[in-house]
Amino acid sequence: MPSASAAAHDLVLRGRVFRPGETGLLAIVNRTPDSFFDHGAYVEDAAALSAVERAIADGADAVDIGGVRAGPGPDVSPAEEIERVVPFVATVRERWPDLVISVDTWRAEVADAACAAGADLVNDAWGGHDPDVMRAAARHGAAYVCAHTGGHGPRTDPHRVRYADVVADAVAHLRALTERALAAGVREDGLLIDAAQDFGKNTYHSLAVTRAVPELVATGWPVLLAVSNKKFIAETLGLHGPKSERLPGTLAATAVAAWEGVRLVRAHDVRATRLALDMVRGLRTGIPVEARRALG
């Protein structure tokens, strides 16, 4: 395992510090009727609140709330996205005052409204497509995710994507995005970078940037890993069935990336991911959660 860089930044979310060598767990709660994973299971408030409660019980450090499917689908206006996300963020904030809340959006007006309602992190998976989204995060003192999409716009699937060197492109672009975010006023201890597997990338590209986690960590910026049940995992393993088949591949990538130093992991399967992260922590520190066997 590579040692943490001396220049590595702490990540501070709602007063909680995620230091180099620690990996937090960000649970996904989609408010979208066409979600690729849960197919709209959390559109209703009661179901979504139950999902948040379950995620916390299963070991999530934070929740990521989104109102628009990442991939192609029916148009969702900013007003509709706000309606799906912002009142729910406010309810979650009221019910769990200390919980770290992330909003998954690329739109400045949605980010602004969600942060005003209590969100702590803007997860902009489309790499600053809306140049004002960083300023929206900064106005509220919220953290911000810089993502590499190879210049692709929101909700587009890649087609015949070419990179001379996808890892070099990602590292250079993410460094530039962090500079933009800092210039926009985002606080230094609130920045993360995300290679954004499958966004503007084919499976070969997604594998390359996942293998390159040490290079991303070496930038000194906290790294978000967002690979949960993505297409590149299915294609890597030759899977054609339900999304649940992708869990072992997701956990394998998660464990390796956690060992290499990612700071935050975004996941659908919270309990399984928590166990994988705890195993990595146990291997890293030599300290189990509990130990009884052969000690008497």
Protein backbone atom coordinates (compact mmCIF):
# COMPACT_ATOMS: atom_id res chain seq x y z
CA MET A 1 0.00 0.00 0.00
CA PRO A 2 1.48 3.38 -0.93
CA SER A 3 2.02 5.78 1.93
CA ALA A 4 -0.12 8.91 2.08
CA SER A 5 1.48 11.91 0.42
CA ALA A 6 2.82 14.58 2.76
CA ALA A 7 0.92 17.07 0.60
CA ALA A 8 -2.36 15.19 0.90
CA HIS A 9 -5.32 17.33 1.91
CA ASP A 10 -7.78 16.53 4.68
CA LEU A 11 -11.42 16.36 3.61
CA VAL A 12 -13.88 18.13 5.91
CA LEU A 13 -17.59 17.42 5.54
CA ARG A 14 -20.00 18.92 8.08
CA GLY A 15 -17.21 19.25 10.59
CA ARG A 16 -16.10 15.63 10.20
CA VAL A 17 -12.52 15.17 9.03
CA PHE A 18 -11.68 12.34 6.60
CA ARG A 19 -7.88 12.12 6.75
CA PRO A 20 -5.49 10.42 4.33
CA GLY A 21 -5.68 6.67 4.90
CA GLU A 22 -9.38 6.80 5.87
CA THR A 23 -12.21 5.82 3.53
CA GLY A 24 -15.75 7.09 4.06
CA LEU A 25 -18.91 5.54 2.62
CA LEU A 26 -21.39 7.60 0.59
CA ALA A 27 -24.75 5.82 0.17
CA ILE A 28 -26.76 6.42 -3.02
CA VAL A 29 -30.41 7.46 -2.71
CA ASN A 30 -31.92 8.15 -6.13
CA ARG A 31 -35.20 10.11 -6.39
CA THR A 32 -35.55 9.17 -10.07
CA PRO A 33 -38.32 7.02 -11.54
CA ASP A 34 -35.92 5.70 -14.21
CA SER A 35 -32.92 4.93 -12.00
CA PHE A 36 -30.73 2.30 -13.69
CA PHE A 37 -30.26 0.42 -10.41
CA ASP A 38 -33.40 0.64 -8.28
CA HIS A 39 -35.93 1.52 -11.02
CA GLY A 40 -37.66 4.23 -9.01
CA ALA A 41 -37.85 2.48 -5.66
CA TYR A 42 -37.18 5.72 -3.77
CA VAL A 43 -39.37 8.22 -5.59
CA GLU A 44 -41.84 8.31 -2.72
CA ASP A 45 -40.64 10.19 0.35
CA ALA A 46 -41.42 7.42 2.81
CA ALA A 47 -39.42 4.84 0.87
CA ALA A 48 -36.53 7.26 0.40
CA LEU A 49 -36.45 8.16 4.10
CA SER A 50 -36.44 4.48 4.97
CA ALA A 51 -33.52 4.04 2.58
CA VAL A 52 -31.57 6.79 4.36
CA GLU A 53 -32.33 5.27 7.76
CA ARG A 54 -31.24 1.84 6.53
CA ALA A 55 -28.06 3.25 4.99
CA ILE A 56 -27.09 4.88 8.27
CA ALA A 57 -27.79 1.66 10.17
CA ASP A 58 -25.67 -0.26 7.64
CA GLY A 59 -22.68 2.00 8.15
CA ALA A 60 -22.95 4.91 5.71
CA ASP A 61 -21.02 8.05 6.61
CA ALA A 62 -23.04 10.17 4.18
CA VAL A 63 -25.89 9.99 1.65
CA ASP A 64 -25.86 11.15 -1.97
CA ILE A 65 -29.28 12.33 -3.17
CA GLY A 66 -29.95 12.66 -6.88
CA GLY A 67 -32.96 13.69 -8.93
CA VAL A 68 -31.91 12.92 -12.52
CA ARG A 69 -30.74 9.68 -14.05
CA ALA A 70 -27.07 9.93 -15.07
CA GLY A 71 -27.60 8.38 -18.49
CA PRO A 72 -29.91 9.22 -21.37
CA GLY A 73 -33.62 9.42 -20.62
CA PRO A 74 -36.61 11.77 -20.55
CA ASP A 75 -35.76 15.43 -20.07
CA VAL A 76 -35.98 16.66 -16.49
CA SER A 77 -36.28 20.42 -16.06
CA PRO A 78 -34.35 22.22 -13.32
CA ALA A 79 -37.67 22.92 -11.60
CA GLU A 80 -38.57 19.22 -11.60
CA GLU A 81 -35.12 18.25 -10.33
CA ILE A 82 -35.44 20.79 -7.52
CA GLU A 83 -38.87 19.42 -6.60
CA ARG A 84 -37.50 15.87 -6.44
CA VAL A 85 -34.43 16.75 -4.40
CA VAL A 86 -34.63 19.92 -2.33
CA PRO A 87 -37.62 19.29 -0.02
CA PHE A 88 -36.22 15.82 0.61
CA VAL A 89 -32.79 17.23 1.48
CA ALA A 90 -34.50 19.59 3.95
CA THR A 91 -36.38 16.68 5.55
CA VAL A 92 -33.24 14.56 5.84
CA ARG A 93 -31.36 17.49 7.35
CA GLU A 94 -34.11 18.06 9.93
CA ARG A 95 -34.31 14.38 10.85
CA TRP A 96 -30.54 13.71 10.93
CA PRO A 97 -28.84 17.00 11.84
CA ASP A 98 -25.31 15.58 11.86
CA LEU A 99 -25.53 13.44 8.71
CA VAL A 100 -23.35 14.45 5.75
CA ILE A 101 -25.64 15.09 2.77
CA SER A 102 -24.45 15.20 -0.84
CA VAL A 103 -26.53 16.37 -3.79
CA ASP A 104 -25.85 14.72 -7.15
CA THR A 105 -26.38 17.47 -9.74
CA TRP A 106 -24.58 19.36 -12.49
CA ARG A 107 -26.95 22.37 -12.36
CA ALA A 108 -26.07 25.50 -10.39
CA GLU A 109 -29.67 26.35 -9.47
CA VAL A 110 -30.25 22.87 -8.07
CA ALA A 111 -26.97 22.92 -6.16
CA ASP A 112 -27.78 26.35 -4.75
CA ALA A 113 -31.24 25.34 -3.56
CA ALA A 114 -30.05 21.99 -2.16
CA CYS A 115 -27.19 23.59 -0.23
CA ALA A 116 -29.58 26.20 1.15
CA ALA A 117 -31.75 23.28 2.33
CA GLY A 118 -28.82 21.61 4.09
CA ALA A 119 -26.59 19.75 1.61
CA ASP A 120 -22.88 19.69 2.47
CA LEU A 121 -21.41 18.41 -0.79
CA VAL A 122 -22.14 19.03 -4.48
CA ASN A 123 -21.38 15.88 -6.46
CA ASP A 124 -21.05 17.33 -9.97
CA ALA A 125 -20.56 14.19 -12.02
CA TRP A 126 -20.40 16.15 -15.29
CA GLY A 127 -17.18 18.03 -14.69
CA GLY A 128 -18.28 21.64 -14.35
CA HIS A 129 -20.51 21.62 -17.44
CA ASP A 130 -22.41 24.44 -15.76
CA PRO A 131 -19.64 26.88 -14.83
CA ASP A 132 -21.74 28.39 -12.05
CA VAL A 133 -22.15 25.15 -10.10
CA MET A 134 -18.79 25.62 -8.35
CA ARG A 135 -19.76 29.13 -7.29
CA ALA A 136 -23.06 27.79 -5.95
CA ALA A 137 -21.17 25.34 -3.74
CA ALA A 138 -18.77 28.05 -2.64
CA ARG A 139 -21.56 30.44 -1.62
CA HIS A 140 -22.74 27.94 0.96
CA GLY A 141 -19.33 26.70 2.07
CA ALA A 142 -20.17 23.30 0.59
CA ALA A 143 -17.65 20.77 -0.64
CA TYR A 144 -17.41 19.99 -4.36
CA VAL A 145 -16.52 16.98 -6.54
CA CYS A 146 -14.42 17.63 -9.65
CA ALA A 147 -15.11 14.91 -12.24
CA HIS A 148 -13.40 13.91 -15.51
CA THR A 149 -15.82 13.32 -18.39
CA GLY A 150 -13.55 13.90 -21.37
CA GLY A 151 -15.60 16.91 -22.39
CA HIS A 152 -18.85 14.97 -22.75
CA GLY A 153 -22.05 16.75 -21.77
CA PRO A 154 -24.62 15.65 -19.20
CA ARG A 155 -26.55 12.43 -19.76
CA THR A 156 -24.63 11.38 -22.86
CA ASP A 157 -23.33 7.89 -23.51
CA PRO A 158 -19.80 7.65 -24.95
CA HIS A 159 -19.44 6.60 -28.59
CA ARG A 160 -16.07 5.76 -30.15
CA VAL A 161 -14.25 7.74 -27.49
CA ARG A 162 -10.53 8.25 -28.07
CA TYR A 163 -7.77 9.34 -25.70
CA ALA A 164 -4.05 9.37 -26.38
CA ASP A 165 -3.64 8.52 -22.69
CA VAL A 166 -6.82 8.48 -20.63
CA VAL A 167 -5.01 8.52 -17.28
CA ALA A 168 -2.85 11.50 -18.21
CA ASP A 169 -5.93 13.27 -19.59
CA ALA A 170 -7.87 12.60 -16.40
CA VAL A 171 -5.10 13.76 -14.07
CA ALA A 172 -4.45 16.94 -16.07
CA HIS A 173 -8.14 17.77 -16.37
CA LEU A 174 -8.82 17.13 -12.69
CA ARG A 175 -5.90 19.33 -11.65
CA ALA A 176 -7.32 22.10 -13.85
CA LEU A 177 -10.81 21.63 -12.38
CA THR A 178 -9.51 21.91 -8.83
CA GLU A 179 -7.85 25.20 -9.78
CA ARG A 180 -11.15 26.43 -11.24
CA ALA A 181 -13.00 25.38 -8.11
CA LEU A 182 -10.53 27.12 -5.82
CA ALA A 183 -10.76 30.26 -7.94
CA ALA A 184 -14.56 30.06 -7.64
CA GLY A 185 -14.23 30.07 -3.86
CA VAL A 186 -14.63 26.39 -2.97
CA ARG A 187 -12.70 25.73 0.23
CA GLU A 188 -9.48 23.77 -0.10
CA ASP A 189 -10.52 21.14 2.46
CA GLY A 190 -13.79 20.56 0.59
CA LEU A 191 -12.47 19.40 -2.78
CA LEU A 192 -12.54 15.86 -4.15
CA ILE A 193 -11.60 14.44 -7.54
CA ASP A 194 -13.42 11.66 -9.40
CA ALA A 195 -12.16 9.81 -12.49
CA ALA A 196 -15.85 9.24 -13.37
CA GLN A 197 -15.75 5.72 -14.74
CA ASP A 198 -18.11 5.19 -17.72
CA PHE A 199 -18.63 8.96 -18.13
CA GLY A 200 -17.04 9.77 -21.48
CA LYS A 201 -15.20 6.45 -21.33
CA ASN A 202 -15.44 2.92 -22.68
CA THR A 203 -14.64 -0.11 -20.53
CA TYR A 204 -10.92 -0.05 -21.37
CA HIS A 205 -10.76 3.59 -20.26
CA SER A 206 -12.72 2.92 -17.07
CA LEU A 207 -10.43 0.05 -16.16
CA ALA A 208 -7.38 2.22 -16.83
CA VAL A 209 -8.47 5.07 -14.56
CA THR A 210 -9.51 2.61 -11.85
CA ARG A 211 -6.09 0.96 -11.98
CA ALA A 212 -4.59 4.45 -11.78
CA VAL A 213 -6.04 5.26 -8.34
CA PRO A 214 -2.50 5.63 -6.92
CA GLU A 215 -1.79 8.35 -9.50
CA LEU A 216 -5.00 10.15 -8.56
CA VAL A 217 -4.21 9.86 -4.86
CA ALA A 218 -0.71 11.19 -5.54
CA THR A 219 -2.19 14.52 -6.64
CA GLY A 220 -2.87 15.16 -2.96
CA TRP A 221 -6.59 15.71 -3.50
CA PRO A 222 -9.07 13.33 -1.83
CA VAL A 223 -10.39 10.84 -4.37
CA LEU A 224 -14.02 9.78 -4.74
CA LEU A 225 -14.55 6.29 -6.15
CA ALA A 226 -17.92 6.00 -7.91
CA VAL A 227 -17.93 2.60 -9.63
CA SER A 228 -20.94 0.96 -7.96
CA ASN A 229 -22.59 -1.51 -10.37
CA LYS A 230 -21.39 0.39 -13.44
CA LYS A 231 -21.37 -1.02 -16.98
CA PHE A 232 -17.60 -1.43 -17.12
CA ILE A 233 -17.82 -3.90 -14.24
CA ALA A 234 -20.43 -5.95 -16.09
CA GLU A 235 -18.36 -5.91 -19.30
CA THR A 236 -15.13 -6.73 -17.48
CA LEU A 237 -16.78 -9.82 -16.00
CA GLY A 238 -18.92 -10.71 -19.04
CA LEU A 239 -22.17 -10.32 -17.11
CA HIS A 240 -25.50 -9.95 -18.88
CA GLY A 241 -27.99 -10.52 -16.07
CA PRO A 242 -29.43 -8.36 -13.29
CA LYS A 243 -27.45 -5.55 -11.69
CA SER A 244 -27.06 -7.65 -8.53
CA GLU A 245 -24.54 -9.82 -10.42
CA ARG A 246 -22.18 -6.84 -10.45
CA LEU A 247 -21.77 -6.69 -6.66
CA PRO A 248 -18.69 -8.96 -6.40
CA GLY A 249 -16.89 -6.93 -9.08
CA THR A 250 -17.93 -3.69 -7.41
CA LEU A 251 -16.60 -4.87 -4.06
CA ALA A 252 -13.33 -6.08 -5.57
CA ALA A 253 -12.70 -2.69 -7.19
CA THR A 254 -13.76 -0.94 -4.00
CA ALA A 255 -11.43 -2.93 -1.77
CA VAL A 256 -8.43 -2.42 -4.04
CA ALA A 257 -9.13 1.30 -4.38
CA ALA A 258 -9.61 1.69 -0.62
CA TRP A 259 -6.28 -0.03 -0.03
CA GLU A 260 -4.70 2.42 -2.49
CA GLY A 261 -6.09 5.41 -0.61
CA VAL A 262 -9.42 6.64 -1.99
CA ARG A 263 -11.10 8.92 0.54
CA LEU A 264 -14.78 8.34 -0.23
CA VAL A 265 -16.66 5.49 -1.91
CA ARG A 266 -20.10 5.92 -3.48
CA ALA A 267 -22.20 2.76 -3.20
CA HIS A 268 -25.64 1.26 -3.71
CA ASP A 269 -25.01 -1.83 -1.53
CA VAL A 270 -24.15 -0.13 1.75
CA ARG A 271 -23.85 -3.10 4.10
CA ALA A 272 -21.63 -5.14 1.78
CA THR A 273 -19.47 -2.11 1.02
CA ARG A 274 -19.14 -1.26 4.71
CA LEU A 275 -17.87 -4.79 5.40
CA ALA A 276 -15.38 -4.57 2.53
CA LEU A 277 -14.06 -1.22 3.79
CA ASP A 278 -13.85 -2.51 7.37
CA MET A 279 -11.84 -5.50 6.15
CA VAL A 280 -9.43 -3.18 4.36
CA ARG A 281 -9.14 -1.09 7.50
CA GLY A 282 -8.45 -4.24 9.55
CA LEU A 283 -5.74 -5.36 7.15
CA ARG A 284 -4.20 -1.89 7.13
CA THR A 285 -4.18 -1.42 10.92
CA GLY A 286 -4.10 -5.00 12.21
CA ILE A 287 -6.99 -4.12 14.52
CA PRO A 288 -10.30 -6.03 14.22
CA VAL A 289 -13.70 -4.61 15.05
CA GLU A 290 -13.88 -7.27 17.75
CA ALA A 291 -11.67 -10.20 18.70
CA ARG A 292 -12.62 -13.19 20.90
CA ARG A 293 -11.12 -16.29 19.33
CA ALA A 294 -8.23 -17.98 21.18
CA LEU A 295 -7.75 -15.08 23.58
CA GLY A 296 -8.79 -16.85 26.77
